[in-house]
Protein backbone atom coordinates (compact mmCIF):
# COMPACT_ATOMS: atom_id res chain seq x y z
CA MET A 1 98.73 157.41 97.49
CA GLU A 2 102.03 156.16 96.09
CA GLN A 3 103.02 154.92 99.55
CA THR A 4 99.69 153.10 99.95
CA ALA A 5 100.16 151.42 96.56
CA ARG A 6 103.68 150.39 97.54
CA VAL A 7 102.35 148.81 100.76
CA ILE A 8 99.64 146.91 98.85
CA ILE A 9 102.19 145.64 96.31
CA THR A 10 104.57 144.62 99.11
CA GLU A 11 101.81 142.73 100.92
CA SER A 12 100.77 141.05 97.67
CA ASN A 13 104.37 140.00 97.02
CA TYR A 14 104.59 138.61 100.55
CA GLN A 15 101.37 136.65 100.16
CA PHE A 16 102.50 135.33 96.77
CA LYS A 17 105.92 134.29 98.13
CA ASN A 18 104.28 132.65 101.14
CA GLN A 19 101.84 130.74 98.96
CA PHE A 20 104.64 129.74 96.59
CA PHE A 21 106.71 128.48 99.56
CA VAL A 22 103.78 126.38 100.80
CA PHE A 23 103.27 125.00 97.28
CA LYS A 24 106.99 124.15 96.98
CA LEU A 25 106.90 122.39 100.35
CA PHE A 26 103.78 120.43 99.37
CA PHE A 27 105.29 119.46 96.01
CA LYS A 28 108.55 118.37 97.66
CA TYR A 29 106.75 116.06 100.11
CA MET A 30 104.54 114.63 97.37
CA ILE A 31 107.65 113.73 95.37
CA GLN A 32 109.10 112.02 98.44
CA ILE A 33 105.89 110.05 99.02
CA ILE A 34 105.75 108.99 95.37
CA GLY A 35 109.39 107.96 95.62
CA LEU A 36 108.61 105.76 98.62
CA LEU A 37 105.74 104.11 96.82
CA ASN A 38 107.64 103.78 93.57
CA PRO A 39 111.40 104.14 94.20
CA LEU A 40 112.24 103.96 90.49
CA GLY A 41 109.99 106.91 89.76
CA CYS A 42 108.18 105.02 87.02
CA GLY A 43 104.49 105.06 86.28
CA LYS A 44 104.29 101.26 86.14
CA GLU A 45 103.90 98.85 89.02
CA MET A 46 107.37 97.28 89.15
CA ILE A 47 106.80 94.22 91.37
CA SER A 48 105.41 91.10 89.71
CA SER A 49 101.99 89.98 90.91
CA ARG A 50 103.30 86.43 91.37
CA ILE A 51 105.70 87.72 94.04
CA GLU A 52 103.01 89.84 95.67
CA ARG A 53 101.04 86.61 96.21
CA VAL A 54 103.50 85.33 98.80
CA GLU A 55 104.83 86.43 102.18
CA GLU A 56 108.35 86.17 103.53
CA SER A 57 109.13 82.74 105.00
CA ALA A 58 107.56 82.81 108.48
CA THR A 59 110.26 80.63 110.04
CA ILE A 60 113.03 82.85 108.68
CA LYS A 61 111.08 85.91 109.86
CA SER A 62 110.83 84.46 113.38
CA SER A 63 114.53 83.65 113.35
CA LYS A 64 115.41 87.20 112.24
CA ARG A 65 113.48 88.64 115.17
CA ALA A 66 115.31 86.36 117.60
CA LYS A 67 118.70 87.14 116.05
CA ASN A 68 118.03 90.88 116.28
CA MET A 69 117.37 90.52 120.00
CA ILE A 70 120.53 88.45 120.41
CA ALA A 71 122.52 91.11 118.52
CA SER A 72 121.20 93.73 120.96
CA GLY A 73 122.53 91.71 123.90
CA VAL A 74 119.47 89.67 124.92
CA ASP A 75 120.15 86.03 125.82
CA VAL A 76 117.63 84.30 123.53
CA ILE A 77 117.40 80.53 123.05
CA ASN A 78 116.49 80.18 119.38
CA PHE A 79 114.30 77.21 118.41
CA THR A 80 112.95 78.70 115.16
CA LEU A 81 115.01 77.21 112.34
CA GLY A 82 115.39 73.57 111.36
CA GLU A 83 119.16 73.57 111.44
CA PRO A 84 121.22 70.85 113.13
CA ASP A 85 123.65 72.32 115.65
CA PHE A 86 126.36 69.82 114.68
CA ASP A 87 129.31 70.52 112.41
CA THR A 88 129.45 68.83 109.03
CA PRO A 89 131.37 65.53 109.44
CA ARG A 90 135.09 66.02 108.85
CA ASN A 91 135.38 63.40 106.10
CA ILE A 92 132.91 65.43 104.01
CA THR A 93 134.72 68.74 104.43
CA ASP A 94 138.07 67.04 103.72
CA ALA A 95 136.75 65.51 100.49
CA THR A 96 135.44 68.91 99.41
CA TYR A 97 138.77 70.57 100.19
CA ARG A 98 140.63 67.94 98.16
CA ALA A 99 138.30 68.58 95.24
CA MET A 100 139.07 72.30 95.39
CA LEU A 101 142.81 71.65 95.44
CA ALA A 102 142.42 69.24 92.52
CA GLY A 103 140.92 72.04 90.42
CA GLU A 104 137.25 71.06 90.58
CA THR A 105 136.28 74.72 90.45
CA HIS A 106 134.81 74.91 86.95
CA TYR A 107 131.34 74.35 85.50
CA SER A 108 129.86 70.89 85.82
CA ALA A 109 127.03 69.38 83.81
CA VAL A 110 123.71 71.10 84.50
CA ALA A 111 122.30 68.03 86.26
CA GLY A 112 125.45 67.46 88.34
CA ILE A 113 128.72 65.55 88.25
CA PRO A 114 128.36 61.90 87.14
CA GLU A 115 129.86 60.61 90.40
CA LEU A 116 127.20 62.27 92.56
CA ARG A 117 124.27 61.43 90.30
CA SER A 118 125.40 57.80 90.29
CA ALA A 119 125.81 57.74 94.09
CA ILE A 120 122.33 59.22 94.57
CA ALA A 121 120.74 56.74 92.15
CA ASP A 122 122.48 53.84 93.94
CA LYS A 123 121.18 55.12 97.27
CA LEU A 124 117.61 55.52 95.97
CA ARG A 125 117.60 51.99 94.57
CA SER A 126 119.21 50.23 97.54
CA GLU A 127 117.72 52.19 100.47
CA ASN A 128 114.41 53.44 99.08
CA GLY A 129 113.53 50.75 96.56
CA ILE A 130 112.96 53.33 93.81
CA PRO A 131 113.50 51.87 90.32
CA THR A 132 115.64 54.72 89.00
CA ALA A 133 118.94 55.46 87.27
CA SER A 134 121.46 58.30 87.35
CA GLU A 135 119.93 59.93 84.26
CA ASN A 136 116.80 60.64 86.34
CA VAL A 137 118.73 62.50 89.06
CA MET A 138 119.12 66.29 89.15
CA VAL A 139 121.51 67.86 91.67
CA THR A 140 120.21 71.20 92.96
CA PRO A 141 121.42 73.98 95.31
CA GLY A 142 119.29 72.75 98.19
CA ALA A 143 116.01 70.84 98.13
CA LYS A 144 114.06 74.10 98.23
CA LEU A 145 115.10 74.97 94.69
CA ALA A 146 114.22 71.45 93.56
CA ILE A 147 110.69 72.09 94.84
CA PHE A 148 110.53 75.51 93.17
CA GLU A 149 111.85 74.23 89.84
CA SER A 150 109.38 71.34 89.88
CA MET A 151 106.43 73.64 90.57
CA MET A 152 107.48 76.09 87.87
CA THR A 153 107.92 73.25 85.39
CA LEU A 154 104.71 71.36 86.10
CA ILE A 155 102.05 73.79 87.40
CA GLU A 156 99.89 75.81 84.99
CA ASP A 157 97.81 78.83 85.99
CA GLY A 158 94.75 77.57 87.85
CA ASP A 159 96.08 74.06 88.53
CA GLU A 160 95.25 72.74 92.00
CA VAL A 161 97.91 71.33 94.32
CA LEU A 162 96.85 69.35 97.40
CA LEU A 163 98.68 70.10 100.66
CA PHE A 164 98.16 68.47 104.04
CA ASP A 165 97.44 71.10 106.69
CA PRO A 166 99.83 71.79 108.41
CA ALA A 167 102.67 71.81 105.89
CA TRP A 168 106.12 73.36 105.54
CA VAL A 169 105.84 77.07 104.75
CA SER A 170 107.46 77.11 101.30
CA TYR A 171 105.20 74.61 99.52
CA ASP A 172 102.27 77.01 99.39
CA ALA A 173 104.54 79.88 98.34
CA CYS A 174 105.98 77.86 95.46
CA VAL A 175 102.50 76.84 94.30
CA LYS A 176 101.40 80.49 94.25
CA MET A 177 104.51 81.69 92.42
CA ALA A 178 103.90 79.03 89.77
CA GLY A 179 100.35 80.31 89.31
CA GLY A 180 98.63 77.37 90.99
CA LYS A 181 96.05 77.16 93.74
CA THR A 182 96.64 75.36 97.03
CA VAL A 183 93.86 73.07 98.24
CA TRP A 184 94.38 72.40 101.94
CA ILE A 185 93.60 68.91 103.25
CA GLU A 186 92.21 68.94 106.79
CA THR A 187 94.17 66.54 108.99
CA ASP A 188 93.72 64.83 112.34
CA SER A 189 96.53 64.62 114.90
CA GLU A 190 94.93 61.43 116.20
CA LYS A 191 95.37 59.89 112.74
CA ASN A 192 99.06 60.69 112.36
CA TYR A 193 98.18 64.05 110.77
CA PHE A 194 96.63 62.25 107.82
CA SER A 195 93.41 63.35 106.12
CA LYS A 196 90.42 63.72 108.43
CA LYS A 197 88.02 63.05 105.55
CA ASP A 198 88.15 60.83 102.49
CA LEU A 199 90.94 62.19 100.27
CA LEU A 200 88.68 61.74 97.28
CA GLU A 201 86.64 64.74 98.48
CA TYR A 202 89.54 67.08 97.68
CA ILE A 203 90.19 65.85 94.14
CA THR A 204 88.75 67.74 91.15
CA ASP A 205 89.42 67.81 87.43
CA LYS A 206 91.92 70.62 88.16
CA THR A 207 94.05 68.55 90.57
CA LYS A 208 97.59 68.43 89.17
CA MET A 209 99.67 67.33 92.14
CA ILE A 210 99.72 66.33 95.78
CA VAL A 211 102.70 67.17 97.99
CA ILE A 212 103.63 64.76 100.76
CA ASN A 213 106.33 65.29 103.36
CA THR A 214 107.24 62.34 105.53
CA PRO A 215 108.67 62.69 108.12
CA CYS A 216 106.68 65.90 108.28
CA ASN A 217 107.79 69.42 109.08
CA PRO A 218 106.25 70.75 111.38
CA THR A 219 104.53 67.78 113.08
CA GLY A 220 107.15 65.02 112.95
CA ALA A 221 104.49 62.61 111.62
CA VAL A 222 105.60 59.64 109.52
CA TYR A 223 103.05 58.18 107.11
CA ASP A 224 102.71 54.42 107.16
CA LYS A 225 102.65 52.16 104.12
CA ASN A 226 98.84 51.97 103.96
CA GLN A 227 98.48 55.75 104.00
CA LEU A 228 100.98 56.13 101.17
CA LYS A 229 99.26 53.34 99.25
CA GLU A 230 95.98 55.25 99.50
CA ILE A 231 97.64 58.32 97.98
CA ALA A 232 99.32 56.24 95.26
CA ASP A 233 96.07 54.57 94.22
CA LEU A 234 94.30 57.92 93.94
CA ALA A 235 97.17 59.42 91.93
CA ILE A 236 96.97 56.58 89.43
CA ASP A 237 93.17 56.47 89.27
CA HIS A 238 92.81 60.24 88.84
CA ASP A 239 96.02 60.85 86.90
CA PHE A 240 97.82 63.43 89.02
CA LEU A 241 101.45 63.81 90.10
CA VAL A 242 103.05 63.30 93.51
CA MET A 243 105.86 65.36 94.98
CA SER A 244 107.45 63.44 97.84
CA ASP A 245 109.72 65.53 100.09
CA GLU A 246 111.85 63.05 102.04
CA MET A 247 114.38 65.47 103.51
CA TYR A 248 114.03 64.03 107.04
CA GLU A 249 114.11 60.34 106.09
CA LYS A 250 117.32 59.74 108.07
CA ILE A 251 115.78 61.17 111.23
CA ILE A 252 113.14 58.54 112.06
CA TYR A 253 112.93 57.06 115.54
CA ASP A 254 110.64 54.06 115.89
CA LYS A 255 108.99 53.74 112.48
CA LYS A 256 110.07 52.77 108.98
CA ASN A 257 110.40 55.14 106.05
CA TYR A 258 108.65 54.29 102.78
CA SER A 259 109.17 56.09 99.48
CA ILE A 260 106.01 56.38 97.42
CA ALA A 261 108.03 56.24 94.18
CA SER A 262 108.90 52.63 95.05
CA PHE A 263 105.25 51.57 94.77
CA ASP A 264 104.05 49.89 91.57
CA ASN A 265 103.59 52.33 88.67
CA MET A 266 104.46 55.34 90.83
CA HIS A 267 107.98 56.27 89.71
CA GLU A 268 106.59 57.55 86.42
CA ARG A 269 104.41 60.14 88.22
CA THR A 270 106.56 61.01 91.29
CA ILE A 271 109.19 63.68 91.88
CA THR A 272 111.24 62.61 94.90
CA ILE A 273 112.95 65.49 96.73
CA ASN A 274 115.85 65.08 99.15
CA GLY A 275 119.12 66.64 100.22
CA PHE A 276 122.06 66.70 102.59
CA SER A 277 121.18 69.58 104.95
CA LYS A 278 119.44 67.71 107.76
CA ALA A 279 121.03 64.26 107.68
CA TYR A 280 124.63 65.45 107.37
CA ALA A 281 124.42 68.91 108.99
CA MET A 282 125.13 70.62 105.66
CA THR A 283 122.53 73.42 105.70
CA GLY A 284 124.94 76.11 104.49
CA TRP A 285 126.29 73.97 101.67
CA ARG A 286 123.00 74.22 99.72
CA LEU A 287 123.09 70.74 98.26
CA GLY A 288 119.94 68.85 97.36
CA TYR A 289 118.57 66.66 94.62
CA MET A 290 115.46 65.34 92.95
CA ASP A 291 114.61 62.18 91.08
CA ALA A 292 112.05 62.33 88.28
CA PRO A 293 110.94 60.22 85.33
CA GLN A 294 112.58 61.10 82.01
CA HIS A 295 109.53 62.78 80.47
CA ILE A 296 109.63 65.30 83.33
CA PHE A 297 113.38 65.36 83.90
CA LYS A 298 114.20 66.90 80.51
CA SER A 299 112.07 69.95 81.28
CA LEU A 300 113.56 70.26 84.77
CA GLU A 301 117.02 70.25 83.21
CA LYS A 302 115.92 73.02 80.85
CA ILE A 303 114.83 75.36 83.67
CA GLN A 304 118.02 74.69 85.66
CA SER A 305 120.17 75.42 82.59
CA HIS A 306 118.67 78.92 82.42
CA THR A 307 118.85 79.67 86.16
CA ILE A 308 121.78 78.32 88.18
CA SER A 309 123.72 76.48 85.40
CA ASN A 310 124.98 73.99 87.98
CA VAL A 311 125.55 73.43 91.69
CA THR A 312 129.00 74.52 92.93
CA THR A 313 131.24 71.80 91.55
CA PHE A 314 133.51 71.10 94.51
CA VAL A 315 130.50 71.01 96.85
CA GLN A 316 129.14 68.11 94.82
CA TYR A 317 132.22 66.05 95.70
CA GLY A 318 131.32 66.57 99.36
CA GLY A 319 127.94 65.03 98.53
CA VAL A 320 129.64 61.97 97.04
CA GLU A 321 131.60 61.49 100.25
CA ALA A 322 128.48 61.96 102.39
CA LEU A 323 126.70 59.10 100.63
CA THR A 324 129.61 56.73 100.10
CA GLY A 325 131.83 57.45 103.10
CA PRO A 326 131.53 56.42 106.78
CA GLN A 327 128.08 56.96 108.35
CA ASP A 328 129.23 56.99 112.00
CA GLU A 329 128.55 60.71 112.54
CA LEU A 330 125.10 60.37 111.01
CA HIS A 331 124.22 57.65 113.51
CA LYS A 332 125.51 59.78 116.40
CA MET A 333 123.32 62.68 115.31
CA GLN A 334 120.30 60.37 115.03
CA ALA A 335 120.85 59.16 118.61
CA ALA A 336 121.27 62.73 119.87
CA PHE A 337 118.01 63.87 118.26
CA LYS A 338 116.16 60.96 119.85
CA GLU A 339 117.48 61.89 123.31
CA ARG A 340 116.54 65.54 122.82
CA ARG A 341 113.06 64.58 121.67
CA GLY A 342 112.47 62.69 124.92
CA VAL A 343 113.68 65.56 127.10
CA LEU A 344 111.59 68.18 125.28
CA ILE A 345 108.31 66.26 124.98
CA GLU A 346 108.41 65.16 128.63
CA GLY A 347 109.12 68.73 129.70
CA LEU A 348 106.33 70.21 127.58
CA ARG A 349 103.82 67.73 128.95
CA LYS A 350 104.86 68.58 132.52
CA LEU A 351 104.10 72.21 131.68
CA GLY A 352 100.56 71.17 130.79
CA LEU A 353 100.85 71.20 127.00
CA LYS A 354 99.29 68.60 124.74
CA CYS A 355 102.02 67.39 122.43
CA PRO A 356 102.09 64.23 120.28
CA MET A 357 105.37 62.33 120.27
CA PRO A 358 107.01 63.06 116.89
CA ASP A 359 108.03 59.93 114.95
CA GLY A 360 110.61 61.74 112.85
CA ALA A 361 112.39 65.02 112.04
CA PHE A 362 113.36 67.30 114.97
CA TYR A 363 110.25 69.34 115.69
CA ALA A 364 107.66 69.36 118.46
CA TYR A 365 104.23 70.75 117.61
CA PRO A 366 102.37 71.35 120.88
CA ASP A 367 98.82 72.64 121.24
CA VAL A 368 98.94 75.81 123.36
CA SER A 369 95.24 76.71 123.17
CA GLU A 370 94.77 76.54 126.95
CA PHE A 371 97.16 79.48 127.27
CA GLY A 372 96.44 81.52 124.13
CA SER A 373 96.75 81.41 120.36
CA GLY A 374 99.96 80.20 118.75
CA GLU A 375 100.90 83.73 117.73
CA GLU A 376 100.22 85.14 121.20
CA ILE A 377 102.30 82.42 122.86
CA THR A 378 105.12 82.88 120.33
CA ASP A 379 105.29 86.58 121.25
CA ARG A 380 105.08 85.93 124.99
CA LEU A 381 107.76 83.25 124.95
CA LEU A 382 110.14 85.61 123.17
CA GLU A 383 109.37 88.72 125.22
CA GLU A 384 108.90 87.14 128.66
CA ALA A 385 111.03 83.98 128.55
CA HIS A 386 113.51 84.84 125.79
CA VAL A 387 112.72 81.59 123.98
CA ALA A 388 112.14 81.87 120.22
CA VAL A 389 109.73 79.47 118.49
CA SER A 390 107.60 79.60 115.32
CA PRO A 391 103.82 80.18 115.31
CA GLY A 392 101.85 77.20 114.01
CA ILE A 393 99.68 79.42 111.82
CA ALA A 394 102.72 79.80 109.53
CA PHE A 395 102.21 76.18 108.45
CA GLY A 396 98.49 76.35 107.72
CA GLU A 397 95.19 77.48 109.19
CA SER A 398 94.96 74.40 111.42
CA GLY A 399 98.03 75.60 113.32
CA LYS A 400 96.45 78.69 114.88
CA ASN A 401 96.62 77.04 118.33
CA ASN A 402 100.07 75.50 117.91
CA ILE A 403 103.71 76.46 118.03
CA ARG A 404 106.64 74.69 116.40
CA ILE A 405 109.75 74.05 118.47
CA SER A 406 112.91 72.86 116.75
CA TYR A 407 114.93 70.63 119.07
CA ALA A 408 118.04 70.87 116.91
CA ALA A 409 119.81 72.15 120.01
CA SER A 410 121.73 70.66 122.92
CA VAL A 411 119.99 68.93 125.83
CA GLU A 412 121.31 71.68 128.10
CA LYS A 413 119.65 74.39 126.00
CA ILE A 414 116.40 72.46 125.89
CA GLN A 415 116.40 72.06 129.67
CA GLU A 416 117.15 75.75 130.19
CA ALA A 417 114.36 76.70 127.76
CA LEU A 418 111.86 74.53 129.63
CA VAL A 419 112.72 76.35 132.86
CA ARG A 420 112.23 79.71 131.16
CA MET A 421 108.91 78.60 129.67
CA GLU A 422 107.47 78.30 133.18
CA LYS A 423 107.14 82.11 133.09
CA VAL A 424 104.47 81.68 130.41
CA PHE A 425 103.00 78.24 131.17
CA GLY A 426 103.63 78.00 134.90
């Protein structure tokens, strides 16, 4: 009897220990899962909803994928990022080095050093016809932050911002982070990627701003004077703002650049965005600027004072040299981009792709619908031909049948890429 009881107790202990072990294991894995979902172990959702609204930059994501393959030993030709393959002109780097040696390593004014603001204002007046002054110029760490600061300063929750479809990937993200709503304008490649319908159809009482980008990333389209005048008239009549991103103004081939802020009564409602990355091969310097009327400028200065304080001081002296020094290297780069454009577009058309001739910037935007969707072709080009491009869908819904190819690469690389592309399009 005693032995039987001992056996029963032993079995009960075993069952209890076994159940306890299973419970411990279950509890351990639940803690790990909770930790993955909420690494800080807090009950609250830690990521802001305004960040959850946006995705990682699609062009940077495509570039990462290509660079990972390159790092693993695959010979990939990377046409994803809009980065000139030239070195920054020597006179600019020398001027920056001299500024460092001279002790220009301390804080500057929030809006930038007087020399650079003055040089930018002179350039905007003489080249762009914009009636501005240095007190309207804000120097920023790249044009992208100028766009972000402007959106955060001007857009209220629920405000509508008009974007031409397709458009550069970060405009929509900045609108969303500011709490606004993007209203996409359907465009027509046969009309220079301008609105397919009357622009008036997109305007409501919630319209706060329209963003224009000419020359355009990703299409290379350059808006003519009449198209810009149409936008200007609507902005005045319906009292909304214009953000004009003119980053590629120096890379125009056969057309003329017009700045909408130069039109009558438009400077007071236009934020003009520009920078040094594309024209002077200064992408890593992170040097941009914006021009805005005083009633907007003061608020822009406020947000910059609480974020970056100022752009790296000695870098700003490089910007002064870029604008006021010799322009020979700029002209050489312009000529090189024009040659590359011809080689790429001719090659794409021989492969059977429909591709408008870009009037500016350094991007081709072919229609690949006869071979697959833009995303499918992007994957196939990378996997089968080891050529990296960006899917058109990243720039708007209209781009689902397109890819974007950056020809900021040598003629030799472009020719080699065209040969490789025959594996997909041949």
